[in-house]
C-alpha atoms as a PDB file:
ATOM      1  CA  MET A   1      -4.226   7.550 -23.738  1.00  0.00           C
ATOM      2  CA  LEU A   2      -6.474  10.190 -22.347  1.00  0.00           C
ATOM      3  CA  CYS A   3      -4.756  12.851 -20.458  1.00  0.00           C
ATOM      4  CA  ALA A   4      -6.942  15.392 -18.377  1.00  0.00           C
ATOM      5  CA  ALA A   5      -5.452  18.704 -17.424  1.00  0.00           C
ATOM      6  CA  ALA A   6      -7.588  18.649 -14.037  1.00  0.00           C
ATOM      7  CA  ALA A   7      -6.448  15.207 -13.373  1.00  0.00           C
ATOM      8  CA  GLU A   8      -2.733  16.310 -13.556  1.00  0.00           C
ATOM      9  CA  ARG A   9      -3.373  19.264 -11.218  1.00  0.00           C
ATOM     10  CA  ASN A  10      -5.229  17.410  -8.687  1.00  0.00           C
ATOM     11  CA  LYS A  11      -3.780  13.779  -8.420  1.00  0.00           C
ATOM     12  CA  GLU A  12      -1.132  14.929  -6.082  1.00  0.00           C
ATOM     13  CA  PRO A  13      -3.433  16.768  -3.620  1.00  0.00           C
ATOM     14  CA  ILE A  14      -5.781  13.978  -3.312  1.00  0.00           C
ATOM     15  CA  LEU A  15      -2.868  11.320  -2.769  1.00  0.00           C
ATOM     16  CA  THR A  16      -1.603  13.427  -0.002  1.00  0.00           C
ATOM     17  CA  VAL A  17      -4.750  12.896   1.769  1.00  0.00           C
ATOM     18  CA  LEU A  18      -4.899   9.098   0.932  1.00  0.00           C
ATOM     19  CA  ARG A  19      -1.533   8.655   2.396  1.00  0.00           C
ATOM     20  CA  ASP A  20      -2.769  10.237   5.850  1.00  0.00           C
ATOM     21  CA  CYS A  21      -5.813   7.446   5.937  1.00  0.00           C
ATOM     22  CA  VAL A  22      -4.256   4.337   4.304  1.00  0.00           C
ATOM     23  CA  ASP A  23      -2.545   1.826   6.311  1.00  0.00           C
ATOM     24  CA  SER A  24       0.571   1.157   4.553  1.00  0.00           C
ATOM     25  CA  ASP A  25       1.698  -1.849   6.808  1.00  0.00           C
ATOM     26  CA  ARG A  26      -0.931  -4.454   5.074  1.00  0.00           C
ATOM     27  CA  PRO A  27      -2.558  -5.362   1.834  1.00  0.00           C
ATOM     28  CA  LEU A  28      -5.581  -3.450   0.909  1.00  0.00           C
ATOM     29  CA  THR A  29      -8.311  -3.439  -1.694  1.00  0.00           C
ATOM     30  CA  ALA A  30      -9.674  -0.166  -3.390  1.00  0.00           C
ATOM     31  CA  LEU A  31     -12.373   0.441  -5.772  1.00  0.00           C
ATOM     32  CA  GLU A  32     -12.304   3.399  -7.999  1.00  0.00           C
ATOM     33  CA  VAL A  33     -15.746   4.428  -9.361  1.00  0.00           C
ATOM     34  CA  SER A  34     -15.707   6.620 -12.620  1.00  0.00           C
ATOM     35  CA  SER A  35     -12.158   6.398 -13.144  1.00  0.00           C
ATOM     36  CA  GLY A  36     -12.019   8.582 -16.199  1.00  0.00           C
ATOM     37  CA  SER A  37      -8.747   8.492 -17.966  1.00  0.00           C
ATOM     38  CA  GLY A  38      -7.032   6.276 -15.581  1.00  0.00           C
ATOM     39  CA  GLN A  39      -4.383   9.115 -14.487  1.00  0.00           C
ATOM     40  CA  HIS A  40      -5.584   8.989 -10.797  1.00  0.00           C
ATOM     41  CA  VAL A  41      -5.535   5.364 -10.376  1.00  0.00           C
ATOM     42  CA  VAL A  42      -1.854   4.709 -11.831  1.00  0.00           C
ATOM     43  CA  HIS A  43      -0.654   7.688  -9.819  1.00  0.00           C
ATOM     44  CA  PHE A  44      -2.027   6.506  -6.609  1.00  0.00           C
ATOM     45  CA  ALA A  45      -1.022   2.831  -7.264  1.00  0.00           C
ATOM     46  CA  GLN A  46       2.549   3.874  -7.862  1.00  0.00           C
ATOM     47  CA  THR A  47       3.037   5.280  -4.374  1.00  0.00           C
ATOM     48  CA  LEU A  48       0.369   3.040  -2.507  1.00  0.00           C
ATOM     49  CA  ARG A  49       1.872  -0.067  -3.267  1.00  0.00           C
ATOM     50  CA  ASN A  50       0.050  -2.380  -0.809  1.00  0.00           C
ATOM     51  CA  VAL A  51      -3.328  -1.504  -2.152  1.00  0.00           C
ATOM     52  CA  THR A  52      -4.682  -3.580  -4.845  1.00  0.00           C
ATOM     53  CA  TRP A  53      -6.728  -0.960  -7.136  1.00  0.00           C
ATOM     54  CA  GLN A  54      -9.816  -1.671  -9.302  1.00  0.00           C
ATOM     55  CA  PRO A  55     -10.480   0.924 -11.665  1.00  0.00           C
ATOM     56  CA  SER A  56     -13.796   1.302 -13.488  1.00  0.00           C
ATOM     57  CA  ASP A  57     -15.959   3.532 -15.891  1.00  0.00           C
ATOM     58  CA  ILE A  58     -19.032   3.462 -17.833  1.00  0.00           C
ATOM     59  CA  ASP A  59     -17.585   4.869 -20.996  1.00  0.00           C
ATOM     60  CA  GLN A  60     -15.507   2.616 -23.259  1.00  0.00           C
ATOM     61  CA  ARG A  61     -13.053   5.541 -24.184  1.00  0.00           C
ATOM     62  CA  SER A  62     -12.031   5.469 -20.780  1.00  0.00           C
ATOM     63  CA  ILE A  63     -11.828   2.056 -20.125  1.00  0.00           C
ATOM     64  CA  ASP A  64      -9.466   2.069 -23.128  1.00  0.00           C
ATOM     65  CA  SER A  65      -7.496   4.771 -21.886  1.00  0.00           C
ATOM     66  CA  ILE A  66      -6.975   3.025 -18.358  1.00  0.00           C
ATOM     67  CA  GLU A  67      -5.883  -0.031 -20.288  1.00  0.00           C
ATOM     68  CA  ALA A  68      -3.157   1.714 -22.142  1.00  0.00           C
ATOM     69  CA  TYR A  69      -2.125   3.282 -18.814  1.00  0.00           C
ATOM     70  CA  ARG A  70      -1.661  -0.226 -17.385  1.00  0.00           C
ATOM     71  CA  ASP A  71       0.175  -1.612 -20.364  1.00  0.00           C
ATOM     72  CA  ARG A  72       2.550   1.327 -20.476  1.00  0.00           C
ATOM     73  CA  LEU A  73       3.021   1.185 -16.653  1.00  0.00           C
ATOM     74  CA  LYS A  74       2.832  -2.638 -15.815  1.00  0.00           C
ATOM     75  CA  LEU A  75       1.707  -1.954 -12.247  1.00  0.00           C
ATOM     76  CA  ALA A  76       0.892  -5.364 -10.678  1.00  0.00           C
ATOM     77  CA  ASN A  77      -1.519  -3.779  -8.211  1.00  0.00           C
ATOM     78  CA  VAL A  78      -3.918  -2.360 -10.993  1.00  0.00           C
ATOM     79  CA  LYS A  79      -6.478  -4.825 -11.982  1.00  0.00           C
ATOM     80  CA  PRO A  80      -8.077  -4.518 -15.703  1.00  0.00           C
ATOM     81  CA  ALA A  81     -10.845  -2.013 -15.866  1.00  0.00           C
ATOM     82  CA  ILE A  82     -14.435  -2.996 -15.648  1.00  0.00           C
ATOM     83  CA  ARG A  83     -17.522  -1.313 -16.990  1.00  0.00           C
ATOM     84  CA  LEU A  84     -19.433  -0.240 -14.149  1.00  0.00           C
ATOM     85  CA  ASP A  85     -22.807   2.008 -13.934  1.00  0.00           C
ATOM     86  CA  ALA A  86     -22.744   3.709 -10.698  1.00  0.00           C
ATOM     87  CA  SER A  87     -26.638   4.196 -11.044  1.00  0.00           C
ATOM     88  CA  GLN A  88     -27.118   0.519 -10.874  1.00  0.00           C
ATOM     89  CA  PRO A  89     -27.846  -1.839  -7.791  1.00  0.00           C
ATOM     90  CA  TRP A  90     -24.861  -3.172  -6.303  1.00  0.00           C
ATOM     91  CA  GLU A  91     -25.730  -6.579  -7.544  1.00  0.00           C
ATOM     92  CA  ASN A  92     -25.134  -5.311 -10.985  1.00  0.00           C
ATOM     93  CA  TRP A  93     -21.502  -4.067 -10.028  1.00  0.00           C
ATOM     94  CA  CYS A  94     -19.507  -6.658 -11.903  1.00  0.00           C
ATOM     95  CA  GLY A  95     -19.622  -9.454  -9.404  1.00  0.00           C
ATOM     96  CA  ILE A  96     -18.120  -7.141  -6.484  1.00  0.00           C
ATOM     97  CA  GLN A  97     -19.012  -8.887  -3.273  1.00  0.00           C
ATOM     98  CA  PRO A  98     -20.269  -7.416   0.166  1.00  0.00           C
ATOM     99  CA  GLU A  99     -17.590  -6.077   2.522  1.00  0.00           C
ATOM    100  CA  SER A 100     -14.722  -6.951  -0.064  1.00  0.00           C
ATOM    101  CA  HIS A 101     -13.167  -3.411  -0.277  1.00  0.00           C
ATOM    102  CA  HIS A 102     -11.440  -1.345   2.228  1.00  0.00           C
ATOM    103  CA  LEU A 103     -11.522   1.682   0.238  1.00  0.00           C
ATOM    104  CA  ILE A 104     -13.814   3.456  -2.456  1.00  0.00           C
ATOM    105  CA  VAL A 105     -12.626   6.206  -4.457  1.00  0.00           C
ATOM    106  CA  ASN A 106     -14.741   8.681  -6.805  1.00  0.00           C
ATOM    107  CA  ILE A 107     -13.305  11.927  -8.193  1.00  0.00           C
ATOM    108  CA  ASN A 108     -15.299  14.354 -10.071  1.00  0.00           C
ATOM    109  CA  MET A 109     -18.468  12.280 -10.840  1.00  0.00           C
ATOM    110  CA  ILE A 110     -21.173  13.451  -8.377  1.00  0.00           C
ATOM    111  CA  HIS A 111     -21.722  17.045  -9.888  1.00  0.00           C
ATOM    112  CA  ILE A 112     -21.649  15.906 -13.560  1.00  0.00           C
ATOM    113  CA  SER A 113     -24.060  12.910 -13.283  1.00  0.00           C
ATOM    114  CA  PRO A 114     -27.708  12.363 -12.558  1.00  0.00           C
ATOM    115  CA  LEU A 115     -28.442  12.160  -8.602  1.00  0.00           C
ATOM    116  CA  GLY A 116     -29.175   8.513  -9.340  1.00  0.00           C
ATOM    117  CA  CYS A 117     -25.377   7.773  -9.642  1.00  0.00           C
ATOM    118  CA  THR A 118     -24.430   9.425  -6.476  1.00  0.00           C
ATOM    119  CA  GLU A 119     -27.281   7.563  -4.530  1.00  0.00           C
ATOM    120  CA  GLY A 120     -26.135   4.155  -6.219  1.00  0.00           C
ATOM    121  CA  LEU A 121     -22.619   5.166  -5.073  1.00  0.00           C
ATOM    122  CA  PHE A 122     -23.427   5.523  -1.611  1.00  0.00           C
ATOM    123  CA  ASN A 123     -25.808   2.667  -1.517  1.00  0.00           C
ATOM    124  CA  ALA A 124     -23.204   0.169  -3.003  1.00  0.00           C
ATOM    125  CA  ALA A 125     -20.596   1.767  -0.540  1.00  0.00           C
ATOM    126  CA  GLY A 126     -22.648   0.844   2.241  1.00  0.00           C
ATOM    127  CA  ILE A 127     -22.430  -2.891   0.917  1.00  0.00           C
ATOM    128  CA  ILE A 128     -19.218  -3.274  -0.683  1.00  0.00           C
ATOM    129  CA  LEU A 129     -16.981  -1.703   2.304  1.00  0.00           C
ATOM    130  CA  LYS A 130     -15.405  -3.718   4.847  1.00  0.00           C
ATOM    131  CA  PRO A 131     -16.130  -2.428   8.419  1.00  0.00           C
ATOM    132  CA  HIS A 132     -14.007   0.801   9.222  1.00  0.00           C
ATOM    133  CA  GLY A 133     -13.826   1.021   5.363  1.00  0.00           C
ATOM    134  CA  LEU A 134     -13.589   4.447   3.859  1.00  0.00           C
ATOM    135  CA  LEU A 135     -15.484   6.057   0.953  1.00  0.00           C
ATOM    136  CA  LEU A 136     -13.507   8.942  -0.664  1.00  0.00           C
ATOM    137  CA  THR A 137     -15.201  11.410  -2.806  1.00  0.00           C
ATOM    138  CA  TYR A 138     -13.618  14.672  -4.471  1.00  0.00           C
ATOM    139  CA  GLY A 139     -15.394  17.540  -6.401  1.00  0.00           C
ATOM    140  CA  PRO A 140     -17.002  20.908  -5.629  1.00  0.00           C
ATOM    141  CA  TYR A 141     -19.917  20.931  -3.030  1.00  0.00           C
ATOM    142  CA  ALA A 142     -22.772  23.376  -1.558  1.00  0.00           C
ATOM    143  CA  VAL A 143     -22.657  23.975   2.054  1.00  0.00           C
ATOM    144  CA  ASN A 144     -26.082  24.332   3.880  1.00  0.00           C
ATOM    145  CA  GLY A 145     -27.342  25.429   0.182  1.00  0.00           C
ATOM    146  CA  ILE A 146     -24.624  28.143  -0.499  1.00  0.00           C
ATOM    147  CA  ILE A 147     -21.886  27.749  -3.157  1.00  0.00           C
ATOM    148  CA  THR A 148     -18.716  29.509  -2.933  1.00  0.00           C
ATOM    149  CA  PRO A 149     -16.602  31.091  -4.411  1.00  0.00           C
ATOM    150  CA  ASP A 150     -18.295  32.851  -7.425  1.00  0.00           C
ATOM    151  CA  SER A 151     -16.746  30.512  -9.935  1.00  0.00           C
ATOM    152  CA  ASN A 152     -18.275  27.548  -8.262  1.00  0.00           C
ATOM    153  CA  VAL A 153     -21.672  29.486  -8.671  1.00  0.00           C
ATOM    154  CA  GLU A 154     -21.076  30.119 -12.442  1.00  0.00           C
ATOM    155  CA  PHE A 155     -19.746  26.362 -12.749  1.00  0.00           C
ATOM    156  CA  ASP A 156     -22.924  24.810 -11.193  1.00  0.00           C
ATOM    157  CA  HIS A 157     -25.208  27.225 -13.532  1.00  0.00           C
ATOM    158  CA  SER A 158     -23.371  25.999 -16.455  1.00  0.00           C
ATOM    159  CA  LEU A 159     -23.660  22.339 -15.455  1.00  0.00           C
ATOM    160  CA  ARG A 160     -27.355  22.654 -14.914  1.00  0.00           C
ATOM    161  CA  GLN A 161     -27.718  24.552 -18.314  1.00  0.00           C
ATOM    162  CA  ARG A 162     -26.120  21.533 -20.077  1.00  0.00           C
ATOM    163  CA  ASN A 163     -28.075  18.860 -18.131  1.00  0.00           C
ATOM    164  CA  PRO A 164     -30.676  19.790 -15.470  1.00  0.00           C
ATOM    165  CA  GLU A 165     -29.924  16.598 -13.725  1.00  0.00           C
ATOM    166  CA  TRP A 166     -26.321  17.942 -13.126  1.00  0.00           C
ATOM    167  CA  GLY A 167     -24.810  20.336 -10.581  1.00  0.00           C
ATOM    168  CA  LEU A 168     -23.229  20.673  -7.230  1.00  0.00           C
ATOM    169  CA  ARG A 169     -24.634  18.414  -4.442  1.00  0.00           C
ATOM    170  CA  ASP A 170     -25.006  19.847  -1.035  1.00  0.00           C
ATOM    171  CA  ILE A 171     -22.710  18.276   1.666  1.00  0.00           C
ATOM    172  CA  SER A 172     -25.703  17.696   4.105  1.00  0.00           C
ATOM    173  CA  LEU A 173     -27.590  15.798   1.439  1.00  0.00           C
ATOM    174  CA  LEU A 174     -24.367  13.572   1.074  1.00  0.00           C
ATOM    175  CA  SER A 175     -24.169  13.252   4.728  1.00  0.00           C
ATOM    176  CA  SER A 176     -27.733  12.158   4.909  1.00  0.00           C
ATOM    177  CA  LEU A 177     -26.913   9.338   2.187  1.00  0.00           C
ATOM    178  CA  ALA A 178     -23.865   8.190   4.043  1.00  0.00           C
ATOM    179  CA  GLU A 179     -26.200   7.890   7.227  1.00  0.00           C
ATOM    180  CA  LYS A 180     -29.059   5.955   5.242  1.00  0.00           C
ATOM    181  CA  ASN A 181     -26.031   3.314   4.199  1.00  0.00           C
ATOM    182  CA  GLY A 182     -24.455   2.626   7.539  1.00  0.00           C
ATOM    183  CA  MET A 183     -21.520   5.464   7.099  1.00  0.00           C
ATOM    184  CA  PHE A 184     -20.787   8.708   8.800  1.00  0.00           C
ATOM    185  CA  LEU A 185     -19.377  11.851   7.376  1.00  0.00           C
ATOM    186  CA  GLU A 186     -16.014  11.631   9.419  1.00  0.00           C
ATOM    187  CA  LYS A 187     -14.084  14.706   7.501  1.00  0.00           C
ATOM    188  CA  VAL A 188     -14.265  17.500   4.848  1.00  0.00           C
ATOM    189  CA  VAL A 189     -10.705  18.726   3.598  1.00  0.00           C
ATOM    190  CA  GLY A 190     -10.384  21.632   1.637  1.00  0.00           C
ATOM    191  CA  SER A 191      -8.030  20.747  -1.333  1.00  0.00           C
ATOM    192  CA  THR A 192      -8.460  23.874  -3.194  1.00  0.00           C
ATOM    193  CA  GLU A 193     -10.597  26.945  -2.806  1.00  0.00           C
ATOM    194  CA  ARG A 194     -13.129  25.285  -5.579  1.00  0.00           C
ATOM    195  CA  TYR A 195     -12.915  21.636  -4.524  1.00  0.00           C
ATOM    196  CA  SER A 196     -12.851  19.389  -1.342  1.00  0.00           C
ATOM    197  CA  LEU A 197     -12.546  15.958  -0.429  1.00  0.00           C
ATOM    198  CA  MET A 198     -15.351  14.287   1.641  1.00  0.00           C
ATOM    199  CA  GLN A 199     -14.554  11.235   3.662  1.00  0.00           C
ATOM    200  CA  CYS A 200     -17.253   9.028   4.785  1.00  0.00           C
ATOM    201  CA  ARG A 201     -16.626   5.804   6.954  1.00  0.00           C
ATOM    202  CA  TYR A 202     -18.550   2.614   7.024  1.00  0.00           C
ATOM    203  CA  ALA A 203     -19.269   1.926  10.727  1.00  0.00           C
ATOM    204  CA  GLY A 204     -20.031  -1.763  10.251  1.00  0.00           C
ATOM    205  CA  GLN A 205     -21.137  -3.100  13.667  1.00  0.00           C
ATOM    206  CA  GLN A 206     -19.669   0.006  15.361  1.00  0.00           C
ATOM    207  CA  GLN A 207     -21.638   2.582  17.081  1.00  0.00           C
ATOM    208  CA  VAL A 208     -21.640   5.922  15.152  1.00  0.00           C
ATOM    209  CA  PRO A 209     -19.226   8.046  17.109  1.00  0.00           C
ATOM    210  CA  PRO A 210     -20.423  11.275  18.775  1.00  0.00           C
ATOM    211  CA  VAL A 211     -19.945  14.766  17.545  1.00  0.00           C
ATOM    212  CA  GLN A 212     -16.732  15.993  19.067  1.00  0.00           C
ATOM    213  CA  GLU A 213     -16.674  19.735  20.090  1.00  0.00           C
ATOM    214  CA  GLY A 214     -14.229  22.104  18.355  1.00  0.00           C
ATOM    215  CA  LYS A 215     -11.108  23.206  20.433  1.00  0.00           C
ATOM    216  CA  PRO A 216      -9.830  26.495  20.389  1.00  0.00           C
ATOM    217  CA  GLY A 217      -7.484  27.252  17.733  1.00  0.00           C
ATOM    218  CA  VAL A 218      -8.646  24.319  15.924  1.00  0.00           C
ATOM    219  CA  GLU A 219     -11.152  24.702  12.859  1.00  0.00           C
ATOM    220  CA  PRO A 220     -14.576  23.171  13.290  1.00  0.00           C
ATOM    221  CA  GLU A 221     -15.275  19.543  12.951  1.00  0.00           C
ATOM    222  CA  VAL A 222     -17.913  18.311  10.618  1.00  0.00           C
ATOM    223  CA  PRO A 223     -20.727  16.366  12.745  1.00  0.00           C
ATOM    224  CA  CYS A 224     -20.140  12.673  12.225  1.00  0.00           C
ATOM    225  CA  CYS A 225     -23.706  12.096  12.104  1.00  0.00           C
ATOM    226  CA  CYS A 226     -25.696  14.939  10.810  1.00  0.00           C
ATOM    227  CA  PRO A 227     -29.242  14.254  10.737  1.00  0.00           C
ATOM    228  CA  PRO A 228     -30.885  14.743   6.981  1.00  0.00           C
ATOM    229  CA  TRP A 229     -30.396  18.257   5.883  1.00  0.00           C
ATOM    230  CA  SER A 230     -29.278  19.786   9.192  1.00  0.00           C
ATOM    231  CA  PRO A 231     -26.855  22.628   9.425  1.00  0.00           C
ATOM    232  CA  ILE A 232     -23.213  21.898   9.370  1.00  0.00           C
ATOM    233  CA  PRO A 233     -20.177  24.549   9.761  1.00  0.00           C
ATOM    234  CA  SER A 234     -19.977  26.679   6.934  1.00  0.00           C
ATOM    235  CA  SER A 235     -16.421  27.434   6.701  1.00  0.00           C
ATOM    236  CA  ARG A 236     -15.047  25.946   3.406  1.00  0.00           C
ATOM    237  CA  THR A 237     -12.197  23.897   4.998  1.00  0.00           C
ATOM    238  CA  TRP A 238     -12.305  21.530   7.880  1.00  0.00           C
ATOM    239  CA  ARG A 239      -8.925  19.539   9.023  1.00  0.00           C
ATOM    240  CA  LEU A 240      -9.585  16.943  11.475  1.00  0.00           C
ATOM    241  CA  HIS A 241      -7.710  13.792  12.896  1.00  0.00           C
ATOM    242  CA  LEU A 242      -8.512  10.742  10.644  1.00  0.00           C
ATOM    243  CA  ALA A 243      -7.750   7.188  11.894  1.00  0.00           C
ATOM    244  CA  PRO A 244      -6.061   5.004   9.538  1.00  0.00           C
ATOM    245  CA  PHE A 245      -7.980   1.595   8.450  1.00  0.00           C
ATOM    246  CA  VAL A 246      -7.917  -0.895  11.345  1.00  0.00           C
END
């Protein structure tokens, strides 16, 4: 089994956010894209017992590690891992059907993969998610072209040195990709100083909700429907109300 120190550090903060947005009163289905070692999916599954989890990865070592965790923990709500290339059209996503999942989770993939993987993720989410379903991504992001703190600037530089197709993506770009695929950016939560969680909801037949104005004493809300590359609040953390799945 693989064991990533970063996954051990961030699995509980991510689970805290999941608890806030997952309805615990009925069965739900979740797809984790780029599951890595499998530490996240088994951690989430042990707490969110009403959610059936589908782990996936493109790397065979990661798939083997996920299966080792499944074998060790015997979790009935974690399916066998599938080999999934996020850059491929959804038709090639191992037979996953349209509007079949309430939740898609993607942790620490966007900045260490070509942009085509991110585009593939958002494109597929707009097809695979049920109406009102949620795409949750975790990682370091740029905001309006600005990267903070300095350690993330250095991290972005090191990633681009390793592979010019890698690097931190801007939240405005991701918001634009969400809109193009029937979703809207609902919430950004600062998990740590360097990393944040982005939550995009699939509107389905719903009208995209209007932007709500900030209230005194409340941190600014990210616009729900930013036009491509439009400015969004530049503070590092937003904490907004997130309705559970309906």
